[in-house]
C-alpha atoms as a PDB file:
ATOM      1  CA  MET A   1      13.293 -51.756  26.541  1.00  0.00           C
ATOM      2  CA  ALA A   2      15.366 -54.578  28.033  1.00  0.00           C
ATOM      3  CA  ARG A   3      19.091 -53.970  28.460  1.00  0.00           C
ATOM      4  CA  ILE A   4      21.245 -55.903  26.021  1.00  0.00           C
ATOM      5  CA  LEU A   5      24.070 -58.004  27.450  1.00  0.00           C
ATOM      6  CA  GLU A   6      27.323 -58.839  25.705  1.00  0.00           C
ATOM      7  CA  THR A   7      26.743 -62.502  26.487  1.00  0.00           C
ATOM      8  CA  GLU A   8      23.741 -62.457  24.132  1.00  0.00           C
ATOM      9  CA  LEU A   9      26.093 -62.036  21.189  1.00  0.00           C
ATOM     10  CA  TYR A  10      28.193 -65.075  22.051  1.00  0.00           C
ATOM     11  CA  GLN A  11      25.972 -67.968  20.935  1.00  0.00           C
ATOM     12  CA  PRO A  12      25.059 -66.495  17.516  1.00  0.00           C
ATOM     13  CA  VAL A  13      28.720 -65.709  16.727  1.00  0.00           C
ATOM     14  CA  LYS A  14      29.814 -69.115  18.028  1.00  0.00           C
ATOM     15  CA  ALA A  15      27.222 -70.881  15.871  1.00  0.00           C
ATOM     16  CA  TYR A  16      28.287 -68.887  12.824  1.00  0.00           C
ATOM     17  CA  LEU A  17      31.970 -69.779  13.259  1.00  0.00           C
ATOM     18  CA  GLU A  18      31.194 -73.423  14.003  1.00  0.00           C
ATOM     19  CA  GLY A  19      29.347 -73.442  10.689  1.00  0.00           C
ATOM     20  CA  GLN A  20      32.645 -72.419   9.096  1.00  0.00           C
ATOM     21  CA  GLY A  21      34.389 -75.427  10.647  1.00  0.00           C
ATOM     22  CA  TYR A  22      35.897 -73.716  13.707  1.00  0.00           C
ATOM     23  CA  GLU A  23      36.048 -74.986  17.260  1.00  0.00           C
ATOM     24  CA  VAL A  24      34.953 -72.095  19.467  1.00  0.00           C
ATOM     25  CA  LYS A  25      35.584 -71.349  23.144  1.00  0.00           C
ATOM     26  CA  ALA A  26      34.765 -68.326  25.297  1.00  0.00           C
ATOM     27  CA  GLU A  27      36.921 -66.230  27.633  1.00  0.00           C
ATOM     28  CA  VAL A  28      40.270 -67.708  26.674  1.00  0.00           C
ATOM     29  CA  GLY A  29      42.922 -65.475  28.165  1.00  0.00           C
ATOM     30  CA  ALA A  30      41.770 -61.872  27.723  1.00  0.00           C
ATOM     31  CA  ALA A  31      39.699 -62.634  24.598  1.00  0.00           C
ATOM     32  CA  ASP A  32      35.897 -62.836  24.625  1.00  0.00           C
ATOM     33  CA  LEU A  33      35.866 -65.550  21.951  1.00  0.00           C
ATOM     34  CA  VAL A  34      38.592 -67.662  20.349  1.00  0.00           C
ATOM     35  CA  ALA A  35      38.025 -69.907  17.335  1.00  0.00           C
ATOM     36  CA  CYS A  36      40.519 -72.424  15.951  1.00  0.00           C
ATOM     37  CA  ARG A  37      40.484 -74.444  12.724  1.00  0.00           C
ATOM     38  CA  ASP A  38      43.193 -76.939  11.833  1.00  0.00           C
ATOM     39  CA  ALA A  39      46.655 -75.300  11.786  1.00  0.00           C
ATOM     40  CA  GLU A  40      45.342 -71.817  10.902  1.00  0.00           C
ATOM     41  CA  ASP A  41      45.989 -68.791  13.088  1.00  0.00           C
ATOM     42  CA  PRO A  42      43.311 -68.409  15.772  1.00  0.00           C
ATOM     43  CA  VAL A  43      40.391 -66.061  15.226  1.00  0.00           C
ATOM     44  CA  ILE A  44      39.604 -63.685  18.086  1.00  0.00           C
ATOM     45  CA  VAL A  45      36.297 -61.852  18.426  1.00  0.00           C
ATOM     46  CA  GLU A  46      35.667 -59.073  20.939  1.00  0.00           C
ATOM     47  CA  LEU A  47      31.989 -58.662  21.830  1.00  0.00           C
ATOM     48  CA  LYS A  48      30.232 -55.419  22.732  1.00  0.00           C
ATOM     49  CA  THR A  49      26.616 -54.296  22.776  1.00  0.00           C
ATOM     50  CA  GLY A  50      27.614 -51.209  20.746  1.00  0.00           C
ATOM     51  CA  PHE A  51      30.541 -49.382  19.246  1.00  0.00           C
ATOM     52  CA  THR A  52      32.955 -47.891  21.764  1.00  0.00           C
ATOM     53  CA  LEU A  53      36.542 -46.709  21.654  1.00  0.00           C
ATOM     54  CA  SER A  54      37.494 -49.332  24.237  1.00  0.00           C
ATOM     55  CA  LEU A  55      36.213 -52.053  21.895  1.00  0.00           C
ATOM     56  CA  PHE A  56      38.735 -51.023  19.255  1.00  0.00           C
ATOM     57  CA  HIS A  57      41.447 -50.679  21.923  1.00  0.00           C
ATOM     58  CA  GLN A  58      40.804 -54.297  22.925  1.00  0.00           C
ATOM     59  CA  ALA A  59      40.873 -55.459  19.313  1.00  0.00           C
ATOM     60  CA  ILE A  60      44.211 -53.728  18.725  1.00  0.00           C
ATOM     61  CA  GLU A  61      45.626 -55.502  21.777  1.00  0.00           C
ATOM     62  CA  ARG A  62      44.502 -58.865  20.358  1.00  0.00           C
ATOM     63  CA  GLN A  63      46.403 -58.145  17.121  1.00  0.00           C
ATOM     64  CA  ALA A  64      49.560 -58.912  19.114  1.00  0.00           C
ATOM     65  CA  VAL A  65      48.333 -62.527  19.116  1.00  0.00           C
ATOM     66  CA  THR A  66      46.812 -62.925  15.641  1.00  0.00           C
ATOM     67  CA  ASP A  67      45.924 -60.926  12.554  1.00  0.00           C
ATOM     68  CA  ALA A  68      42.452 -62.482  12.508  1.00  0.00           C
ATOM     69  CA  VAL A  69      40.711 -60.141  14.952  1.00  0.00           C
ATOM     70  CA  TYR A  70      37.044 -59.132  14.745  1.00  0.00           C
ATOM     71  CA  VAL A  71      34.771 -56.866  16.739  1.00  0.00           C
ATOM     72  CA  ALA A  72      31.121 -57.900  17.025  1.00  0.00           C
ATOM     73  CA  VAL A  73      28.270 -55.611  18.085  1.00  0.00           C
ATOM     74  CA  ALA A  74      24.518 -55.897  18.388  1.00  0.00           C
ATOM     75  CA  ARG A  75      22.782 -54.582  15.276  1.00  0.00           C
ATOM     76  CA  GLY A  76      20.512 -51.650  16.108  1.00  0.00           C
ATOM     77  CA  PRO A  77      17.450 -50.370  14.248  1.00  0.00           C
ATOM     78  CA  GLY A  78      17.112 -47.300  12.074  1.00  0.00           C
ATOM     79  CA  LYS A  79      19.299 -44.834  10.220  1.00  0.00           C
ATOM     80  CA  ARG A  80      21.229 -43.800  13.313  1.00  0.00           C
ATOM     81  CA  PHE A  81      22.768 -47.243  13.663  1.00  0.00           C
ATOM     82  CA  LEU A  82      23.476 -47.482   9.929  1.00  0.00           C
ATOM     83  CA  SER A  83      25.338 -44.177  10.095  1.00  0.00           C
ATOM     84  CA  SER A  84      27.337 -45.404  13.095  1.00  0.00           C
ATOM     85  CA  LEU A  85      28.033 -48.686  11.314  1.00  0.00           C
ATOM     86  CA  LYS A  86      29.319 -46.862   8.225  1.00  0.00           C
ATOM     87  CA  ASN A  87      31.701 -44.687  10.257  1.00  0.00           C
ATOM     88  CA  ASN A  88      32.990 -47.511  12.435  1.00  0.00           C
ATOM     89  CA  LEU A  89      33.401 -49.789   9.435  1.00  0.00           C
ATOM     90  CA  LYS A  90      35.840 -47.247   8.005  1.00  0.00           C
ATOM     91  CA  LEU A  91      37.715 -47.241  11.317  1.00  0.00           C
ATOM     92  CA  ALA A  92      37.810 -51.036  11.495  1.00  0.00           C
ATOM     93  CA  ARG A  93      39.177 -51.326   7.969  1.00  0.00           C
ATOM     94  CA  ARG A  94      41.770 -48.658   8.686  1.00  0.00           C
ATOM     95  CA  LEU A  95      42.943 -50.673  11.697  1.00  0.00           C
ATOM     96  CA  GLY A  96      42.897 -53.973   9.811  1.00  0.00           C
ATOM     97  CA  ILE A  97      40.132 -55.327  12.064  1.00  0.00           C
ATOM     98  CA  GLY A  98      37.107 -57.343  10.966  1.00  0.00           C
ATOM     99  CA  LEU A  99      33.583 -56.216  11.860  1.00  0.00           C
ATOM    100  CA  ILE A 100      30.520 -58.313  12.620  1.00  0.00           C
ATOM    101  CA  THR A 101      26.953 -57.367  13.553  1.00  0.00           C
ATOM    102  CA  VAL A 102      24.474 -59.616  15.293  1.00  0.00           C
ATOM    103  CA  ARG A 103      20.707 -59.182  14.984  1.00  0.00           C
ATOM    104  CA  LEU A 104      19.558 -60.435  18.332  1.00  0.00           C
ATOM    105  CA  SER A 105      15.906 -60.886  17.320  1.00  0.00           C
ATOM    106  CA  ASP A 106      16.825 -63.937  15.239  1.00  0.00           C
ATOM    107  CA  GLY A 107      20.564 -64.409  15.755  1.00  0.00           C
ATOM    108  CA  PHE A 108      21.467 -63.350  12.221  1.00  0.00           C
ATOM    109  CA  VAL A 109      25.216 -62.745  11.926  1.00  0.00           C
ATOM    110  CA  GLU A 110      26.626 -60.507   9.186  1.00  0.00           C
ATOM    111  CA  VAL A 111      30.310 -60.032   8.457  1.00  0.00           C
ATOM    112  CA  HIS A 112      30.823 -56.510   7.086  1.00  0.00           C
ATOM    113  CA  ALA A 113      34.619 -56.667   6.843  1.00  0.00           C
ATOM    114  CA  ASP A 114      37.345 -59.245   7.274  1.00  0.00           C
ATOM    115  CA  PRO A 115      40.712 -58.394   8.852  1.00  0.00           C
ATOM    116  CA  GLY A 116      43.388 -57.311   6.426  1.00  0.00           C
ATOM    117  CA  PRO A 117      45.828 -54.582   5.449  1.00  0.00           C
ATOM    118  CA  TYR A 118      44.193 -51.285   4.546  1.00  0.00           C
ATOM    119  CA  GLU A 119      45.230 -48.858   1.843  1.00  0.00           C
ATOM    120  CA  PRO A 120      42.953 -45.794   1.761  1.00  0.00           C
ATOM    121  CA  ARG A 121      41.748 -44.661  -1.636  1.00  0.00           C
ATOM    122  CA  LYS A 122      42.643 -41.068  -2.344  1.00  0.00           C
ATOM    123  CA  SER A 123      40.077 -38.754  -3.918  1.00  0.00           C
ATOM    124  CA  LYS A 124      41.727 -36.478  -6.475  1.00  0.00           C
ATOM    125  CA  PRO A 125      38.655 -34.167  -6.748  1.00  0.00           C
ATOM    126  CA  ARG A 126      38.547 -33.713  -2.947  1.00  0.00           C
ATOM    127  CA  LYS A 127      42.251 -32.948  -2.861  1.00  0.00           C
ATOM    128  CA  GLU A 128      41.863 -30.415  -5.657  1.00  0.00           C
ATOM    129  CA  ARG A 129      38.929 -28.726  -3.888  1.00  0.00           C
ATOM    130  CA  LEU A 130      40.931 -28.540  -0.659  1.00  0.00           C
ATOM    131  CA  LEU A 131      43.964 -26.990  -2.327  1.00  0.00           C
ATOM    132  CA  ARG A 132      41.815 -24.618  -4.397  1.00  0.00           C
ATOM    133  CA  GLU A 133      40.044 -23.356  -1.280  1.00  0.00           C
ATOM    134  CA  PHE A 134      43.387 -23.006   0.523  1.00  0.00           C
ATOM    135  CA  ALA A 135      44.903 -21.005  -2.338  1.00  0.00           C
ATOM    136  CA  ARG A 136      41.883 -18.710  -2.766  1.00  0.00           C
ATOM    137  CA  ARG A 137      41.401 -17.908   0.898  1.00  0.00           C
ATOM    138  CA  VAL A 138      43.037 -14.654   1.973  1.00  0.00           C
ATOM    139  CA  GLY A 139      44.868 -14.844   5.298  1.00  0.00           C
ATOM    140  CA  ASP A 140      43.692 -17.143   8.082  1.00  0.00           C
ATOM    141  CA  PRO A 141      40.322 -15.711   9.230  1.00  0.00           C
ATOM    142  CA  ASN A 142      39.091 -18.741  11.178  1.00  0.00           C
ATOM    143  CA  THR A 143      40.136 -20.497  14.393  1.00  0.00           C
ATOM    144  CA  GLY A 144      40.781 -24.233  14.204  1.00  0.00           C
ATOM    145  CA  GLY A 145      38.252 -26.340  16.128  1.00  0.00           C
ATOM    146  CA  SER A 146      35.476 -23.745  15.870  1.00  0.00           C
ATOM    147  CA  THR A 147      31.865 -24.945  16.055  1.00  0.00           C
ATOM    148  CA  ARG A 148      28.527 -23.165  15.779  1.00  0.00           C
ATOM    149  CA  VAL A 149      30.117 -20.139  14.132  1.00  0.00           C
ATOM    150  CA  THR A 150      30.004 -18.893  10.558  1.00  0.00           C
ATOM    151  CA  LEU A 151      33.253 -19.870   8.895  1.00  0.00           C
ATOM    152  CA  VAL A 152      34.902 -17.505   6.475  1.00  0.00           C
ATOM    153  CA  THR A 153      35.437 -19.347   3.192  1.00  0.00           C
ATOM    154  CA  ALA A 154      37.088 -18.057   0.035  1.00  0.00           C
ATOM    155  CA  TYR A 155      33.586 -17.745  -1.461  1.00  0.00           C
ATOM    156  CA  ARG A 156      32.455 -15.609   1.470  1.00  0.00           C
ATOM    157  CA  GLN A 157      35.560 -13.437   1.178  1.00  0.00           C
ATOM    158  CA  ASP A 158      34.744 -12.837  -2.503  1.00  0.00           C
ATOM    159  CA  ALA A 159      31.153 -11.969  -1.585  1.00  0.00           C
ATOM    160  CA  ILE A 160      32.410  -9.464   1.003  1.00  0.00           C
ATOM    161  CA  ARG A 161      34.608  -7.805  -1.645  1.00  0.00           C
ATOM    162  CA  CYS A 162      31.613  -7.435  -3.934  1.00  0.00           C
ATOM    163  CA  ALA A 163      29.462  -6.098  -1.097  1.00  0.00           C
ATOM    164  CA  GLU A 164      32.137  -3.588  -0.071  1.00  0.00           C
ATOM    165  CA  HIS A 165      32.335  -2.259  -3.617  1.00  0.00           C
ATOM    166  CA  LEU A 166      28.560  -1.871  -3.855  1.00  0.00           C
ATOM    167  CA  ALA A 167      28.459  -0.176  -0.453  1.00  0.00           C
ATOM    168  CA  GLU A 168      31.020   2.363  -1.634  1.00  0.00           C
ATOM    169  CA  SER A 169      29.912   2.849  -5.249  1.00  0.00           C
ATOM    170  CA  GLY A 170      26.204   2.042  -5.182  1.00  0.00           C
ATOM    171  CA  PRO A 171      24.463  -0.292  -7.667  1.00  0.00           C
ATOM    172  CA  CYS A 172      26.830  -1.491 -10.395  1.00  0.00           C
ATOM    173  CA  ARG A 173      26.974  -3.815 -13.339  1.00  0.00           C
ATOM    174  CA  GLY A 174      28.472  -7.190 -12.639  1.00  0.00           C
ATOM    175  CA  ALA A 175      31.367  -6.597 -15.026  1.00  0.00           C
ATOM    176  CA  GLU A 176      32.274  -3.403 -13.171  1.00  0.00           C
ATOM    177  CA  VAL A 177      32.252  -5.207  -9.829  1.00  0.00           C
ATOM    178  CA  ALA A 178      34.403  -8.028 -11.229  1.00  0.00           C
ATOM    179  CA  LYS A 179      36.961  -5.577 -12.600  1.00  0.00           C
ATOM    180  CA  ALA A 180      37.102  -3.477  -9.413  1.00  0.00           C
ATOM    181  CA  THR A 181      37.320  -6.404  -6.962  1.00  0.00           C
ATOM    182  CA  GLY A 182      39.175  -9.055  -8.938  1.00  0.00           C
ATOM    183  CA  VAL A 183      36.271 -11.484  -8.327  1.00  0.00           C
ATOM    184  CA  SER A 184      35.906 -12.981 -11.802  1.00  0.00           C
ATOM    185  CA  ASN A 185      32.540 -14.609 -11.074  1.00  0.00           C
ATOM    186  CA  ALA A 186      31.043 -11.519  -9.406  1.00  0.00           C
ATOM    187  CA  THR A 187      28.001 -11.419 -11.707  1.00  0.00           C
ATOM    188  CA  ARG A 188      27.128 -15.076 -11.071  1.00  0.00           C
ATOM    189  CA  MET A 189      27.734 -14.675  -7.337  1.00  0.00           C
ATOM    190  CA  MET A 190      25.408 -11.675  -7.068  1.00  0.00           C
ATOM    191  CA  ALA A 191      22.790 -13.358  -9.248  1.00  0.00           C
ATOM    192  CA  ASP A 192      22.865 -16.544  -7.155  1.00  0.00           C
ATOM    193  CA  ASP A 193      22.700 -14.402  -3.987  1.00  0.00           C
ATOM    194  CA  HIS A 194      23.652 -17.255  -1.682  1.00  0.00           C
ATOM    195  CA  TYR A 195      23.708 -15.048   1.422  1.00  0.00           C
ATOM    196  CA  GLY A 196      20.793 -12.750   0.625  1.00  0.00           C
ATOM    197  CA  TRP A 197      23.144  -9.763   0.331  1.00  0.00           C
ATOM    198  CA  PHE A 198      22.487  -8.729  -3.271  1.00  0.00           C
ATOM    199  CA  GLU A 199      19.458  -7.596  -5.239  1.00  0.00           C
ATOM    200  CA  ARG A 200      18.930  -7.039  -8.927  1.00  0.00           C
ATOM    201  CA  VAL A 201      18.178  -3.362  -9.565  1.00  0.00           C
ATOM    202  CA  GLU A 202      17.814  -3.723 -13.321  1.00  0.00           C
ATOM    203  CA  ARG A 203      19.136  -6.041 -15.997  1.00  0.00           C
ATOM    204  CA  GLY A 204      22.791  -6.759 -15.195  1.00  0.00           C
ATOM    205  CA  VAL A 205      22.907  -4.212 -12.347  1.00  0.00           C
ATOM    206  CA  TYR A 206      23.055  -5.226  -8.682  1.00  0.00           C
ATOM    207  CA  GLY A 207      22.875  -3.431  -5.364  1.00  0.00           C
ATOM    208  CA  LEU A 208      23.094  -4.287  -1.661  1.00  0.00           C
ATOM    209  CA  THR A 209      20.113  -5.477   0.374  1.00  0.00           C
ATOM    210  CA  PRO A 210      19.606  -4.264   3.970  1.00  0.00           C
ATOM    211  CA  LYS A 211      20.809  -7.676   5.113  1.00  0.00           C
ATOM    212  CA  GLY A 212      23.919  -7.237   2.995  1.00  0.00           C
ATOM    213  CA  ARG A 213      24.701  -3.905   4.651  1.00  0.00           C
ATOM    214  CA  ARG A 214      24.237  -5.356   8.137  1.00  0.00           C
ATOM    215  CA  SER A 215      26.409  -8.365   7.340  1.00  0.00           C
ATOM    216  CA  LEU A 216      29.078  -6.140   5.852  1.00  0.00           C
ATOM    217  CA  GLU A 217      29.116  -3.992   8.996  1.00  0.00           C
ATOM    218  CA  GLY A 218      29.473  -7.128  11.137  1.00  0.00           C
ATOM    219  CA  ALA A 219      32.306  -8.455   8.992  1.00  0.00           C
ATOM    220  CA  THR A 220      34.081  -5.095   9.200  1.00  0.00           C
ATOM    221  CA  LYS A 221      33.839  -5.072  13.015  1.00  0.00           C
ATOM    222  CA  LYS A 222      35.298  -8.612  13.249  1.00  0.00           C
ATOM    223  CA  THR A 223      38.289  -7.727  11.120  1.00  0.00           C
ATOM    224  CA  ALA A 224      38.873  -4.322  12.733  1.00  0.00           C
END
């Protein structure tokens, strides 16, 4: 596959802006592309073959000259590019920077965002979930920045309480487990058996599986 050059983006973006009535010139000062129309503020476009942190650094620098700053990248194929586009579009909007993609096969230019002030929309349900998880979690069992490890959530802590009770008392009814552990949804948790720790012994009665015992032993060692 032939290597894409930044210069390949220039003519399509230039043609697009000229179609909007701009006069366009390349490499003016530190900018890849500058477009002017009447007495309006100049438009600056920084060109890159793909999304990079330095591309956004350059765009931020250009905002010292004008608010009308865009980044333009070559449009790639497949879901991987679409995912990257979605994430970088959020970043561009947050920074007040416009974002353009160029399909080099036919020179198609698409403007995904124009420059402008950004006010993030808050999600009340997400905030409530975050605070609920924070309030329910006992202590601080995880280490910030951890990857490829099993995180201890409030749900997992509740499951451990249920498992500990069953390990000590043997098979029990869900209501008994809920009362002894303070886990109000103990019956539903054991019935759902998200971790494979619980098994139904008879109607309404649950016990520990071998996996549950092993996991409980591992959890006990970590907290010892």
